[in-house]
Amino acid sequence: MIRMIKGPSLIKAPGILEKKIEEYFGNVNSKSGDVSIALMNSPSGWEEPFQKPSFDEYTVVLDGELRVECGGAIYEVKAGEAILVGKNERVRYSTPAEGGARYLAVCLPAFSPDTVHREN
């Protein structure tokens, strides 16, 4: 099967400051629940609430630095590095460093507001 995607869907993200999500594959843009692939652009100072998603999230940082708080540890993931957070892990993502971060996120199965389980 071949499927051409002409461009992403823009998705609004919760959190402090506005983060730009461009979903190429997933529940919104390709109507597929198997996988989501999205380009994230997070400004400096952005953070979101803790969450405990029921999907694995593979993240590759393209530019800048992404902070990942998980399992009692803090990971500073820099450009050229990647991190995998397994499903059912309590995690919070943020971009406190100057310049923010641009990163690619792949979720298996696809991200859904119903399966991310964000804390208030």
N, C-alpha and C. Protein backbone atom coordinates (compact mmCIF):
# COMPACT_ATOMS: atom_id res chain seq x y z
N MET A 1 0.84 -1.18 0.00
CA MET A 1 0.00 0.00 0.00
C MET A 1 0.89 1.24 0.00
N ILE A 2 0.53 2.21 -0.82
CA ILE A 2 1.22 3.49 -0.86
C ILE A 2 0.19 4.56 -0.56
N ARG A 3 0.58 5.49 0.30
CA ARG A 3 -0.33 6.59 0.65
C ARG A 3 0.48 7.87 0.73
N MET A 4 0.14 8.81 -0.11
CA MET A 4 0.85 10.10 -0.14
C MET A 4 0.15 11.07 0.80
N ILE A 5 0.93 11.73 1.64
CA ILE A 5 0.41 12.75 2.55
C ILE A 5 0.91 14.10 2.03
N LYS A 6 0.00 14.97 1.64
CA LYS A 6 0.37 16.27 1.04
C LYS A 6 0.83 17.30 2.06
N GLY A 7 0.48 17.09 3.32
CA GLY A 7 0.88 18.03 4.36
C GLY A 7 0.28 17.62 5.69
N PRO A 8 0.76 18.22 6.76
CA PRO A 8 0.29 17.85 8.09
C PRO A 8 -0.99 18.58 8.50
N SER A 9 -1.64 18.04 9.53
CA SER A 9 -2.72 18.75 10.22
C SER A 9 -2.11 19.45 11.41
N LEU A 10 -2.51 20.69 11.65
CA LEU A 10 -2.04 21.42 12.81
C LEU A 10 -2.94 21.09 14.00
N ILE A 11 -2.32 20.76 15.12
CA ILE A 11 -3.06 20.35 16.31
C ILE A 11 -2.65 21.25 17.46
N LYS A 12 -3.63 21.73 18.21
CA LYS A 12 -3.36 22.58 19.36
C LYS A 12 -2.99 21.70 20.54
N ALA A 13 -1.96 22.11 21.26
CA ALA A 13 -1.48 21.34 22.40
C ALA A 13 -1.73 22.09 23.70
N PRO A 14 -2.13 21.36 24.74
CA PRO A 14 -2.29 22.01 26.05
C PRO A 14 -0.93 22.28 26.67
N GLY A 15 -0.89 23.17 27.61
CA GLY A 15 0.34 23.46 28.32
C GLY A 15 0.58 24.94 28.42
N ILE A 16 1.67 25.28 29.10
CA ILE A 16 2.07 26.68 29.25
C ILE A 16 2.75 27.09 27.94
N LEU A 17 2.35 28.18 27.36
CA LEU A 17 2.79 28.67 26.05
C LEU A 17 2.21 27.79 24.95
N GLU A 18 2.35 28.22 23.73
CA GLU A 18 1.78 27.48 22.61
C GLU A 18 2.84 26.64 21.91
N LYS A 19 2.56 25.37 21.76
CA LYS A 19 3.43 24.43 21.07
C LYS A 19 2.76 24.09 19.75
N LYS A 20 3.52 24.07 18.68
CA LYS A 20 2.99 23.74 17.36
C LYS A 20 3.19 22.26 17.08
N ILE A 21 2.10 21.55 16.79
CA ILE A 21 2.15 20.14 16.44
C ILE A 21 1.69 20.00 14.99
N GLU A 22 2.52 19.40 14.18
CA GLU A 22 2.19 19.11 12.79
C GLU A 22 2.11 17.59 12.63
N GLU A 23 0.89 17.05 12.63
CA GLU A 23 0.71 15.60 12.53
C GLU A 23 0.66 15.18 11.06
N TYR A 24 1.56 14.27 10.69
CA TYR A 24 1.58 13.72 9.34
C TYR A 24 0.77 12.44 9.26
N PHE A 25 0.98 11.55 10.23
CA PHE A 25 0.22 10.32 10.32
C PHE A 25 -0.38 10.24 11.71
N GLY A 26 -1.62 9.76 11.79
CA GLY A 26 -2.27 9.60 13.08
C GLY A 26 -3.77 9.72 12.97
N ASN A 27 -4.41 9.80 14.11
CA ASN A 27 -5.87 9.82 14.16
C ASN A 27 -6.49 11.01 13.43
N VAL A 28 -5.81 12.14 13.40
CA VAL A 28 -6.38 13.34 12.77
C VAL A 28 -6.07 13.39 11.28
N ASN A 29 -4.80 13.37 10.91
CA ASN A 29 -4.43 13.64 9.52
C ASN A 29 -4.63 12.48 8.57
N SER A 30 -4.27 11.27 8.99
CA SER A 30 -4.39 10.12 8.09
C SER A 30 -5.49 9.15 8.52
N LYS A 31 -6.18 9.50 9.60
CA LYS A 31 -7.28 8.66 10.12
C LYS A 31 -6.80 7.25 10.44
N SER A 32 -5.59 7.15 11.01
CA SER A 32 -5.01 5.86 11.34
C SER A 32 -4.68 5.80 12.82
N GLY A 33 -5.12 4.77 13.49
CA GLY A 33 -4.84 4.60 14.91
C GLY A 33 -3.63 3.73 15.19
N ASP A 34 -2.96 3.23 14.13
CA ASP A 34 -1.81 2.34 14.32
C ASP A 34 -0.57 3.08 14.80
N VAL A 35 -0.32 4.25 14.25
CA VAL A 35 0.88 5.02 14.56
C VAL A 35 0.59 6.50 14.36
N SER A 36 1.25 7.34 15.14
CA SER A 36 1.22 8.77 14.85
C SER A 36 2.65 9.25 14.70
N ILE A 37 2.85 10.11 13.72
CA ILE A 37 4.15 10.72 13.46
C ILE A 37 3.90 12.21 13.34
N ALA A 38 4.55 12.98 14.23
CA ALA A 38 4.30 14.42 14.26
C ALA A 38 5.60 15.18 14.50
N LEU A 39 5.67 16.35 13.88
CA LEU A 39 6.77 17.28 14.10
C LEU A 39 6.31 18.28 15.14
N MET A 40 7.10 18.43 16.20
CA MET A 40 6.76 19.32 17.31
C MET A 40 7.72 20.51 17.31
N ASN A 41 7.16 21.69 17.53
CA ASN A 41 7.95 22.91 17.70
C ASN A 41 7.52 23.55 19.01
N SER A 42 8.39 23.48 20.01
CA SER A 42 8.07 23.97 21.35
C SER A 42 8.96 25.15 21.70
N PRO A 43 8.36 26.27 22.09
CA PRO A 43 9.16 27.44 22.44
C PRO A 43 9.84 27.28 23.79
N SER A 44 10.82 28.09 24.03
CA SER A 44 11.48 28.11 25.34
C SER A 44 10.45 28.46 26.42
N GLY A 45 10.45 27.70 27.51
CA GLY A 45 9.51 27.94 28.60
C GLY A 45 8.24 27.12 28.51
N TRP A 46 8.07 26.33 27.43
CA TRP A 46 6.87 25.51 27.29
C TRP A 46 6.95 24.31 28.22
N GLU A 47 5.83 23.95 28.82
CA GLU A 47 5.73 22.69 29.56
C GLU A 47 4.28 22.23 29.55
N GLU A 48 4.11 20.94 29.73
CA GLU A 48 2.77 20.36 29.78
C GLU A 48 2.59 19.62 31.09
N PRO A 49 1.36 19.26 31.43
CA PRO A 49 1.14 18.50 32.66
C PRO A 49 1.74 17.09 32.56
N PHE A 50 1.95 16.46 33.71
CA PHE A 50 2.34 15.05 33.69
C PHE A 50 1.24 14.25 33.02
N GLN A 51 1.62 13.13 32.42
CA GLN A 51 0.67 12.25 31.76
C GLN A 51 1.15 10.81 31.94
N LYS A 52 0.26 9.87 31.70
CA LYS A 52 0.59 8.44 31.79
C LYS A 52 -0.05 7.75 30.58
N PRO A 53 0.54 7.96 29.39
CA PRO A 53 -0.08 7.49 28.15
C PRO A 53 -0.08 5.97 28.00
N SER A 54 -1.07 5.48 27.29
CA SER A 54 -1.13 4.05 27.00
C SER A 54 -0.61 3.77 25.59
N PHE A 55 0.53 4.42 25.27
CA PHE A 55 1.24 4.18 24.01
C PHE A 55 2.73 4.41 24.26
N ASP A 56 3.57 3.78 23.46
CA ASP A 56 5.01 4.04 23.49
C ASP A 56 5.28 5.31 22.69
N GLU A 57 6.19 6.15 23.19
CA GLU A 57 6.53 7.37 22.46
C GLU A 57 8.03 7.42 22.20
N TYR A 58 8.36 7.44 20.90
CA TYR A 58 9.74 7.54 20.44
C TYR A 58 9.96 8.99 20.03
N THR A 59 10.98 9.63 20.56
CA THR A 59 11.22 11.05 20.29
C THR A 59 12.65 11.26 19.82
N VAL A 60 12.79 11.97 18.70
CA VAL A 60 14.10 12.34 18.16
C VAL A 60 14.17 13.86 18.15
N VAL A 61 15.14 14.42 18.87
CA VAL A 61 15.29 15.87 18.93
C VAL A 61 16.13 16.31 17.73
N LEU A 62 15.55 17.20 16.92
CA LEU A 62 16.21 17.70 15.72
C LEU A 62 17.00 18.97 16.00
N ASP A 63 16.43 19.87 16.80
CA ASP A 63 17.08 21.12 17.17
C ASP A 63 16.73 21.45 18.60
N GLY A 64 17.66 22.07 19.32
CA GLY A 64 17.38 22.51 20.68
C GLY A 64 17.51 21.40 21.70
N GLU A 65 16.71 21.52 22.77
CA GLU A 65 16.80 20.59 23.89
C GLU A 65 15.42 20.35 24.49
N LEU A 66 15.08 19.08 24.70
CA LEU A 66 13.81 18.67 25.28
C LEU A 66 14.08 18.07 26.65
N ARG A 67 13.35 18.52 27.66
CA ARG A 67 13.46 17.94 28.99
C ARG A 67 12.35 16.90 29.15
N VAL A 68 12.74 15.71 29.64
CA VAL A 68 11.79 14.62 29.86
C VAL A 68 11.94 14.18 31.32
N GLU A 69 10.85 14.34 32.08
CA GLU A 69 10.83 13.92 33.48
C GLU A 69 10.06 12.61 33.55
N CYS A 70 10.74 11.55 34.00
CA CYS A 70 10.10 10.23 34.00
C CYS A 70 10.83 9.31 34.98
N GLY A 71 10.07 8.54 35.74
CA GLY A 71 10.67 7.56 36.64
C GLY A 71 11.57 8.16 37.70
N GLY A 72 11.26 9.38 38.13
CA GLY A 72 12.08 10.03 39.14
C GLY A 72 13.38 10.63 38.62
N ALA A 73 13.59 10.58 37.32
CA ALA A 73 14.81 11.13 36.71
C ALA A 73 14.44 12.23 35.73
N ILE A 74 15.42 13.09 35.44
CA ILE A 74 15.26 14.15 34.44
C ILE A 74 16.28 13.91 33.35
N TYR A 75 15.79 13.84 32.12
CA TYR A 75 16.64 13.63 30.95
C TYR A 75 16.63 14.90 30.11
N GLU A 76 17.81 15.41 29.79
CA GLU A 76 17.96 16.56 28.90
C GLU A 76 18.37 15.99 27.54
N VAL A 77 17.42 15.92 26.63
CA VAL A 77 17.64 15.30 25.33
C VAL A 77 17.97 16.40 24.32
N LYS A 78 19.18 16.36 23.81
CA LYS A 78 19.68 17.42 22.93
C LYS A 78 19.58 17.01 21.46
N ALA A 79 19.76 17.99 20.58
CA ALA A 79 19.72 17.76 19.13
C ALA A 79 20.62 16.58 18.77
N GLY A 80 20.07 15.67 17.97
CA GLY A 80 20.81 14.49 17.55
C GLY A 80 20.63 13.30 18.48
N GLU A 81 19.94 13.50 19.60
CA GLU A 81 19.69 12.42 20.55
C GLU A 81 18.22 12.01 20.48
N ALA A 82 17.92 10.86 21.07
CA ALA A 82 16.55 10.33 21.06
C ALA A 82 16.24 9.69 22.40
N ILE A 83 14.95 9.53 22.68
CA ILE A 83 14.51 8.89 23.91
C ILE A 83 13.24 8.11 23.63
N LEU A 84 13.09 6.99 24.30
CA LEU A 84 11.87 6.18 24.23
C LEU A 84 11.26 6.16 25.61
N VAL A 85 9.98 6.55 25.70
CA VAL A 85 9.22 6.45 26.93
C VAL A 85 8.13 5.42 26.69
N GLY A 86 8.19 4.33 27.44
CA GLY A 86 7.24 3.23 27.28
C GLY A 86 5.86 3.58 27.80
N LYS A 87 4.87 2.87 27.29
CA LYS A 87 3.49 3.10 27.71
C LYS A 87 3.35 2.88 29.21
N ASN A 88 2.40 3.60 29.77
CA ASN A 88 2.06 3.55 31.20
C ASN A 88 3.14 4.13 32.11
N GLU A 89 4.12 4.84 31.55
CA GLU A 89 5.11 5.56 32.34
C GLU A 89 4.57 6.96 32.62
N ARG A 90 4.70 7.43 33.84
CA ARG A 90 4.32 8.80 34.17
C ARG A 90 5.43 9.72 33.67
N VAL A 91 5.07 10.67 32.80
CA VAL A 91 6.08 11.48 32.12
C VAL A 91 5.58 12.91 31.93
N ARG A 92 6.54 13.83 31.90
CA ARG A 92 6.23 15.22 31.54
C ARG A 92 7.34 15.73 30.63
N TYR A 93 6.91 16.39 29.54
CA TYR A 93 7.83 16.99 28.57
C TYR A 93 7.82 18.50 28.75
N SER A 94 9.00 19.12 28.55
CA SER A 94 9.09 20.59 28.61
C SER A 94 10.32 21.04 27.82
N THR A 95 10.34 22.34 27.54
CA THR A 95 11.49 22.93 26.84
C THR A 95 11.92 24.20 27.58
N PRO A 96 12.60 24.04 28.72
CA PRO A 96 13.00 25.20 29.50
C PRO A 96 14.21 25.96 28.93
N ALA A 97 15.03 25.30 28.12
CA ALA A 97 16.25 25.93 27.61
C ALA A 97 15.92 27.00 26.56
N GLU A 98 16.79 27.97 26.46
CA GLU A 98 16.62 29.02 25.47
C GLU A 98 16.60 28.41 24.07
N GLY A 99 15.68 28.88 23.24
CA GLY A 99 15.57 28.36 21.88
C GLY A 99 14.54 27.26 21.74
N GLY A 100 14.07 26.68 22.85
CA GLY A 100 13.07 25.63 22.78
C GLY A 100 13.61 24.39 22.10
N ALA A 101 12.72 23.68 21.38
CA ALA A 101 13.13 22.45 20.70
C ALA A 101 12.21 22.17 19.52
N ARG A 102 12.79 21.52 18.53
CA ARG A 102 12.04 20.97 17.40
C ARG A 102 12.34 19.49 17.41
N TYR A 103 11.28 18.67 17.45
CA TYR A 103 11.50 17.24 17.56
C TYR A 103 10.41 16.44 16.86
N LEU A 104 10.75 15.22 16.54
CA LEU A 104 9.84 14.30 15.88
C LEU A 104 9.35 13.30 16.92
N ALA A 105 8.04 13.12 17.02
CA ALA A 105 7.45 12.17 17.95
C ALA A 105 6.70 11.09 17.18
N VAL A 106 6.98 9.85 17.54
CA VAL A 106 6.30 8.70 16.96
C VAL A 106 5.63 7.94 18.09
N CYS A 107 4.32 7.75 18.01
CA CYS A 107 3.57 7.06 19.05
C CYS A 107 2.96 5.78 18.50
N LEU A 108 3.15 4.67 19.26
CA LEU A 108 2.60 3.37 18.90
C LEU A 108 1.80 2.83 20.07
N PRO A 109 0.49 2.60 19.93
CA PRO A 109 -0.36 3.04 18.83
C PRO A 109 -0.45 4.55 18.80
N ALA A 110 -1.21 5.07 17.88
CA ALA A 110 -1.28 6.51 17.65
C ALA A 110 -1.76 7.29 18.88
N PHE A 111 -1.22 8.50 19.01
CA PHE A 111 -1.65 9.42 20.06
C PHE A 111 -3.15 9.68 19.95
N SER A 112 -3.80 9.78 21.09
CA SER A 112 -5.21 10.15 21.15
C SER A 112 -5.44 10.89 22.47
N PRO A 113 -6.27 11.92 22.48
CA PRO A 113 -6.58 12.60 23.74
C PRO A 113 -7.15 11.64 24.79
N ASP A 114 -7.79 10.57 24.32
CA ASP A 114 -8.37 9.59 25.25
C ASP A 114 -7.35 8.64 25.84
N THR A 115 -6.17 8.51 25.22
CA THR A 115 -5.18 7.56 25.72
C THR A 115 -3.93 8.20 26.31
N VAL A 116 -3.88 9.54 26.35
CA VAL A 116 -2.70 10.22 26.90
C VAL A 116 -2.78 10.33 28.43
N HIS A 117 -3.98 10.40 28.97
CA HIS A 117 -4.21 10.43 30.43
C HIS A 117 -3.41 11.53 31.12
N ARG A 118 -3.68 12.77 30.74
CA ARG A 118 -3.01 13.93 31.35
C ARG A 118 -3.55 14.19 32.75
N GLU A 119 -2.66 14.59 33.64
CA GLU A 119 -3.06 15.01 34.98
C GLU A 119 -3.49 16.47 34.91
N ASN A 120 -4.33 16.88 35.84
CA ASN A 120 -4.77 18.29 35.86
C ASN A 120 -3.80 19.17 36.58
